Amino acid sequence: MDNQYVVGWGTLALINAGLAQGKNRTGLNWFLLSLLLGPLATLILLFVEKRER
């Protein structure tokens, strides 16, 4: 596997974790989910609503 591909996938997972925390969701769960699903997890996360605390 190309190293640039791995770095990009990991960066996307970190971005998703930050986006999830901004929506009051668990960043670690979304980070791990993003490692598996990649851009699909980003798309899902964009459409979920923000949780109230």
PDB file of N, CA and C in Angstrom:
ATOM      1  N   MET A   1       0.850  -1.179   0.000  1.00  0.00           N
ATOM      2  CA  MET A   1       0.000   0.000   0.000  1.00  0.00           C
ATOM      3  C   MET A   1       0.893   1.238   0.000  1.00  0.00           C
ATOM      4  N   ASP A   2       0.519   2.206  -0.770  1.00  0.00           N
ATOM      5  CA  ASP A   2       1.287   3.441  -0.883  1.00  0.00           C
ATOM      6  C   ASP A   2       1.228   4.235   0.418  1.00  0.00           C
ATOM      7  N   ASN A   3       2.381   4.751   0.850  1.00  0.00           N
ATOM      8  CA  ASN A   3       2.443   5.501   2.110  1.00  0.00           C
ATOM      9  C   ASN A   3       1.579   6.756   2.082  1.00  0.00           C
ATOM     10  N   GLN A   4       1.466   7.410   0.940  1.00  0.00           N
ATOM     11  CA  GLN A   4       0.644   8.609   0.845  1.00  0.00           C
ATOM     12  C   GLN A   4      -0.831   8.276   1.056  1.00  0.00           C
ATOM     13  N   TYR A   5      -1.228   7.126   0.606  1.00  0.00           N
ATOM     14  CA  TYR A   5      -2.611   6.681   0.784  1.00  0.00           C
ATOM     15  C   TYR A   5      -2.917   6.479   2.267  1.00  0.00           C
ATOM     16  N   VAL A   6      -1.990   5.877   2.978  1.00  0.00           N
ATOM     17  CA  VAL A   6      -2.164   5.627   4.415  1.00  0.00           C
ATOM     18  C   VAL A   6      -2.200   6.942   5.179  1.00  0.00           C
ATOM     19  N   VAL A   7      -1.330   7.857   4.833  1.00  0.00           N
ATOM     20  CA  VAL A   7      -1.303   9.162   5.501  1.00  0.00           C
ATOM     21  C   VAL A   7      -2.600   9.925   5.244  1.00  0.00           C
ATOM     22  N   GLY A   8      -3.092   9.897   4.036  1.00  0.00           N
ATOM     23  CA  GLY A   8      -4.342  10.579   3.702  1.00  0.00           C
ATOM     24  C   GLY A   8      -5.538   9.983   4.424  1.00  0.00           C
ATOM     25  N   TRP A   9      -5.570   8.662   4.507  1.00  0.00           N
ATOM     26  CA  TRP A   9      -6.672   7.964   5.185  1.00  0.00           C
ATOM     27  C   TRP A   9      -6.649   8.301   6.679  1.00  0.00           C
ATOM     28  N   GLY A  10      -5.456   8.312   7.275  1.00  0.00           N
ATOM     29  CA  GLY A  10      -5.315   8.657   8.694  1.00  0.00           C
ATOM     30  C   GLY A  10      -5.686  10.098   8.973  1.00  0.00           C
ATOM     31  N   THR A  11      -5.307  10.991   8.070  1.00  0.00           N
ATOM     32  CA  THR A  11      -5.663  12.400   8.222  1.00  0.00           C
ATOM     33  C   THR A  11      -7.169  12.599   8.154  1.00  0.00           C
ATOM     34  N   LEU A  12      -7.811  11.902   7.241  1.00  0.00           N
ATOM     35  CA  LEU A  12      -9.263  11.974   7.135  1.00  0.00           C
ATOM     36  C   LEU A  12      -9.927  11.468   8.415  1.00  0.00           C
ATOM     37  N   ALA A  13      -9.379  10.415   9.001  1.00  0.00           N
ATOM     38  CA  ALA A  13      -9.933   9.878  10.251  1.00  0.00           C
ATOM     39  C   ALA A  13      -9.803  10.897  11.378  1.00  0.00           C
ATOM     40  N   LEU A  14      -8.685  11.613  11.441  1.00  0.00           N
ATOM     41  CA  LEU A  14      -8.508  12.650  12.462  1.00  0.00           C
ATOM     42  C   LEU A  14      -9.479  13.808  12.249  1.00  0.00           C
ATOM     43  N   ILE A  15      -9.664  14.205  11.013  1.00  0.00           N
ATOM     44  CA  ILE A  15     -10.620  15.273  10.702  1.00  0.00           C
ATOM     45  C   ILE A  15     -12.032  14.855  11.101  1.00  0.00           C
ATOM     46  N   ASN A  16     -12.390  13.621  10.818  1.00  0.00           N
ATOM     47  CA  ASN A  16     -13.714  13.118  11.194  1.00  0.00           C
ATOM     48  C   ASN A  16     -13.897  13.091  12.702  1.00  0.00           C
ATOM     49  N   ALA A  17     -12.843  12.740  13.432  1.00  0.00           N
ATOM     50  CA  ALA A  17     -12.931  12.734  14.895  1.00  0.00           C
ATOM     51  C   ALA A  17     -13.202  14.139  15.417  1.00  0.00           C
ATOM     52  N   GLY A  18     -12.528  15.132  14.864  1.00  0.00           N
ATOM     53  CA  GLY A  18     -12.762  16.518  15.267  1.00  0.00           C
ATOM     54  C   GLY A  18     -14.153  16.983  14.899  1.00  0.00           C
ATOM     55  N   LEU A  19     -14.613  16.611  13.730  1.00  0.00           N
ATOM     56  CA  LEU A  19     -15.966  16.965  13.291  1.00  0.00           C
ATOM     57  C   LEU A  19     -17.014  16.315  14.194  1.00  0.00           C
ATOM     58  N   ALA A  20     -16.773  15.087  14.582  1.00  0.00           N
ATOM     59  CA  ALA A  20     -17.700  14.380  15.468  1.00  0.00           C
ATOM     60  C   ALA A  20     -17.762  15.042  16.836  1.00  0.00           C
ATOM     61  N   GLN A  21     -16.626  15.444  17.365  1.00  0.00           N
ATOM     62  CA  GLN A  21     -16.616  16.119  18.663  1.00  0.00           C
ATOM     63  C   GLN A  21     -17.359  17.443  18.592  1.00  0.00           C
ATOM     64  N   GLY A  22     -17.296  18.105  17.467  1.00  0.00           N
ATOM     65  CA  GLY A  22     -18.037  19.339  17.273  1.00  0.00           C
ATOM     66  C   GLY A  22     -19.541  19.120  17.263  1.00  0.00           C
ATOM     67  N   LYS A  23     -19.954  17.900  16.971  1.00  0.00           N
ATOM     68  CA  LYS A  23     -21.376  17.557  16.985  1.00  0.00           C
ATOM     69  C   LYS A  23     -21.752  16.802  18.253  1.00  0.00           C
ATOM     70  N   ASN A  24     -20.928  16.922  19.288  1.00  0.00           N
ATOM     71  CA  ASN A  24     -21.143  16.283  20.592  1.00  0.00           C
ATOM     72  C   ASN A  24     -21.265  14.765  20.474  1.00  0.00           C
ATOM     73  N   ARG A  25     -20.432  14.171  19.655  1.00  0.00           N
ATOM     74  CA  ARG A  25     -20.369  12.720  19.506  1.00  0.00           C
ATOM     75  C   ARG A  25     -18.975  12.253  19.894  1.00  0.00           C
ATOM     76  N   THR A  26     -18.807  10.963  20.115  1.00  0.00           N
ATOM     77  CA  THR A  26     -17.541  10.423  20.578  1.00  0.00           C
ATOM     78  C   THR A  26     -16.510  10.434  19.451  1.00  0.00           C
ATOM     79  N   GLY A  27     -15.460  11.213  19.645  1.00  0.00           N
ATOM     80  CA  GLY A  27     -14.422  11.334  18.627  1.00  0.00           C
ATOM     81  C   GLY A  27     -13.677  10.039  18.373  1.00  0.00           C
ATOM     82  N   LEU A  28     -13.401   9.280  19.435  1.00  0.00           N
ATOM     83  CA  LEU A  28     -12.661   8.020  19.276  1.00  0.00           C
ATOM     84  C   LEU A  28     -13.455   7.014  18.450  1.00  0.00           C
ATOM     85  N   ASN A  29     -14.746   6.916  18.714  1.00  0.00           N
ATOM     86  CA  ASN A  29     -15.578   5.984  17.935  1.00  0.00           C
ATOM     87  C   ASN A  29     -15.589   6.356  16.460  1.00  0.00           C
ATOM     88  N   TRP A  30     -15.718   7.627  16.181  1.00  0.00           N
ATOM     89  CA  TRP A  30     -15.753   8.067  14.789  1.00  0.00           C
ATOM     90  C   TRP A  30     -14.384   7.957  14.129  1.00  0.00           C
ATOM     91  N   PHE A  31     -13.317   8.116  14.900  1.00  0.00           N
ATOM     92  CA  PHE A  31     -11.970   7.915  14.368  1.00  0.00           C
ATOM     93  C   PHE A  31     -11.812   6.466  13.907  1.00  0.00           C
ATOM     94  N   LEU A  32     -12.210   5.534  14.776  1.00  0.00           N
ATOM     95  CA  LEU A  32     -12.084   4.116  14.430  1.00  0.00           C
ATOM     96  C   LEU A  32     -12.999   3.738  13.270  1.00  0.00           C
ATOM     97  N   LEU A  33     -14.210   4.284  13.270  1.00  0.00           N
ATOM     98  CA  LEU A  33     -15.132   4.029  12.170  1.00  0.00           C
ATOM     99  C   LEU A  33     -14.580   4.586  10.863  1.00  0.00           C
ATOM    100  N   SER A  34     -13.937   5.725  10.934  1.00  0.00           N
ATOM    101  CA  SER A  34     -13.363   6.350   9.745  1.00  0.00           C
ATOM    102  C   SER A  34     -12.190   5.554   9.201  1.00  0.00           C
ATOM    103  N   LEU A  35     -11.459   4.883  10.075  1.00  0.00           N
ATOM    104  CA  LEU A  35     -10.374   4.029   9.592  1.00  0.00           C
ATOM    105  C   LEU A  35     -10.926   2.880   8.757  1.00  0.00           C
ATOM    106  N   LEU A  36     -12.133   2.441   9.083  1.00  0.00           N
ATOM    107  CA  LEU A  36     -12.748   1.348   8.330  1.00  0.00           C
ATOM    108  C   LEU A  36     -13.483   1.834   7.080  1.00  0.00           C
ATOM    109  N   LEU A  37     -14.239   2.923   7.226  1.00  0.00           N
ATOM    110  CA  LEU A  37     -15.113   3.365   6.137  1.00  0.00           C
ATOM    111  C   LEU A  37     -14.564   4.523   5.301  1.00  0.00           C
ATOM    112  N   GLY A  38     -13.632   5.274   5.859  1.00  0.00           N
ATOM    113  CA  GLY A  38     -13.017   6.379   5.126  1.00  0.00           C
ATOM    114  C   GLY A  38     -13.998   7.470   4.759  1.00  0.00           C
ATOM    115  N   PRO A  39     -14.024   7.847   3.486  1.00  0.00           N
ATOM    116  CA  PRO A  39     -14.884   8.947   3.039  1.00  0.00           C
ATOM    117  C   PRO A  39     -16.379   8.703   3.276  1.00  0.00           C
ATOM    118  N   LEU A  40     -16.786   7.467   3.321  1.00  0.00           N
ATOM    119  CA  LEU A  40     -18.190   7.164   3.595  1.00  0.00           C
ATOM    120  C   LEU A  40     -18.568   7.605   5.009  1.00  0.00           C
ATOM    121  N   ALA A  41     -17.654   7.441   5.961  1.00  0.00           N
ATOM    122  CA  ALA A  41     -17.902   7.902   7.332  1.00  0.00           C
ATOM    123  C   ALA A  41     -18.029   9.421   7.367  1.00  0.00           C
ATOM    124  N   THR A  42     -17.252  10.113   6.554  1.00  0.00           N
ATOM    125  CA  THR A  42     -17.347  11.570   6.475  1.00  0.00           C
ATOM    126  C   THR A  42     -18.731  11.975   5.979  1.00  0.00           C
ATOM    127  N   LEU A  43     -19.198  11.306   4.965  1.00  0.00           N
ATOM    128  CA  LEU A  43     -20.515  11.612   4.410  1.00  0.00           C
ATOM    129  C   LEU A  43     -21.613  11.367   5.442  1.00  0.00           C
ATOM    130  N   ILE A  44     -21.525  10.266   6.156  1.00  0.00           N
ATOM    131  CA  ILE A  44     -22.511   9.965   7.201  1.00  0.00           C
ATOM    132  C   ILE A  44     -22.477  11.038   8.274  1.00  0.00           C
ATOM    133  N   LEU A  45     -21.276  11.410   8.686  1.00  0.00           N
ATOM    134  CA  LEU A  45     -21.112  12.388   9.759  1.00  0.00           C
ATOM    135  C   LEU A  45     -21.631  13.770   9.372  1.00  0.00           C
ATOM    136  N   LEU A  46     -21.548  14.098   8.112  1.00  0.00           N
ATOM    137  CA  LEU A  46     -22.058  15.394   7.667  1.00  0.00           C
ATOM    138  C   LEU A  46     -23.571  15.494   7.780  1.00  0.00           C
ATOM    139  N   PHE A  47     -24.265  14.358   7.678  1.00  0.00           N
ATOM    140  CA  PHE A  47     -25.719  14.385   7.685  1.00  0.00           C
ATOM    141  C   PHE A  47     -26.353  14.079   9.036  1.00  0.00           C
ATOM    142  N   VAL A  48     -25.565  13.627  10.020  1.00  0.00           N
ATOM    143  CA  VAL A  48     -26.148  13.397  11.336  1.00  0.00           C
ATOM    144  C   VAL A  48     -26.305  14.735  12.057  1.00  0.00           C
ATOM    145  N   GLU A  49     -27.338  14.813  12.872  1.00  0.00           N
ATOM    146  CA  GLU A  49     -27.609  16.066  13.575  1.00  0.00           C
ATOM    147  C   GLU A  49     -26.751  16.179  14.828  1.00  0.00           C
ATOM    148  N   LYS A  50     -26.561  17.406  15.258  1.00  0.00           N
ATOM    149  CA  LYS A  50     -25.795  17.663  16.470  1.00  0.00           C
ATOM    150  C   LYS A  50     -26.600  17.208  17.686  1.00  0.00           C
ATOM    151  N   ARG A  51     -25.935  16.532  18.611  1.00  0.00           N
ATOM    152  CA  ARG A  51     -26.583  16.078  19.842  1.00  0.00           C
ATOM    153  C   ARG A  51     -26.611  17.202  20.863  1.00  0.00           C
ATOM    154  N   GLU A  52     -27.704  17.249  21.607  1.00  0.00           N
ATOM    155  CA  GLU A  52     -27.803  18.207  22.699  1.00  0.00           C
ATOM    156  C   GLU A  52     -27.141  17.603  23.935  1.00  0.00           C
ATOM    157  N   ARG A  53     -26.507  18.417  24.729  1.00  0.00           N
ATOM    158  CA  ARG A  53     -25.868  17.924  25.952  1.00  0.00           C
ATOM    159  C   ARG A  53     -26.826  17.963  27.093  1.00  0.00           C
TER     160      ARG A  53
END
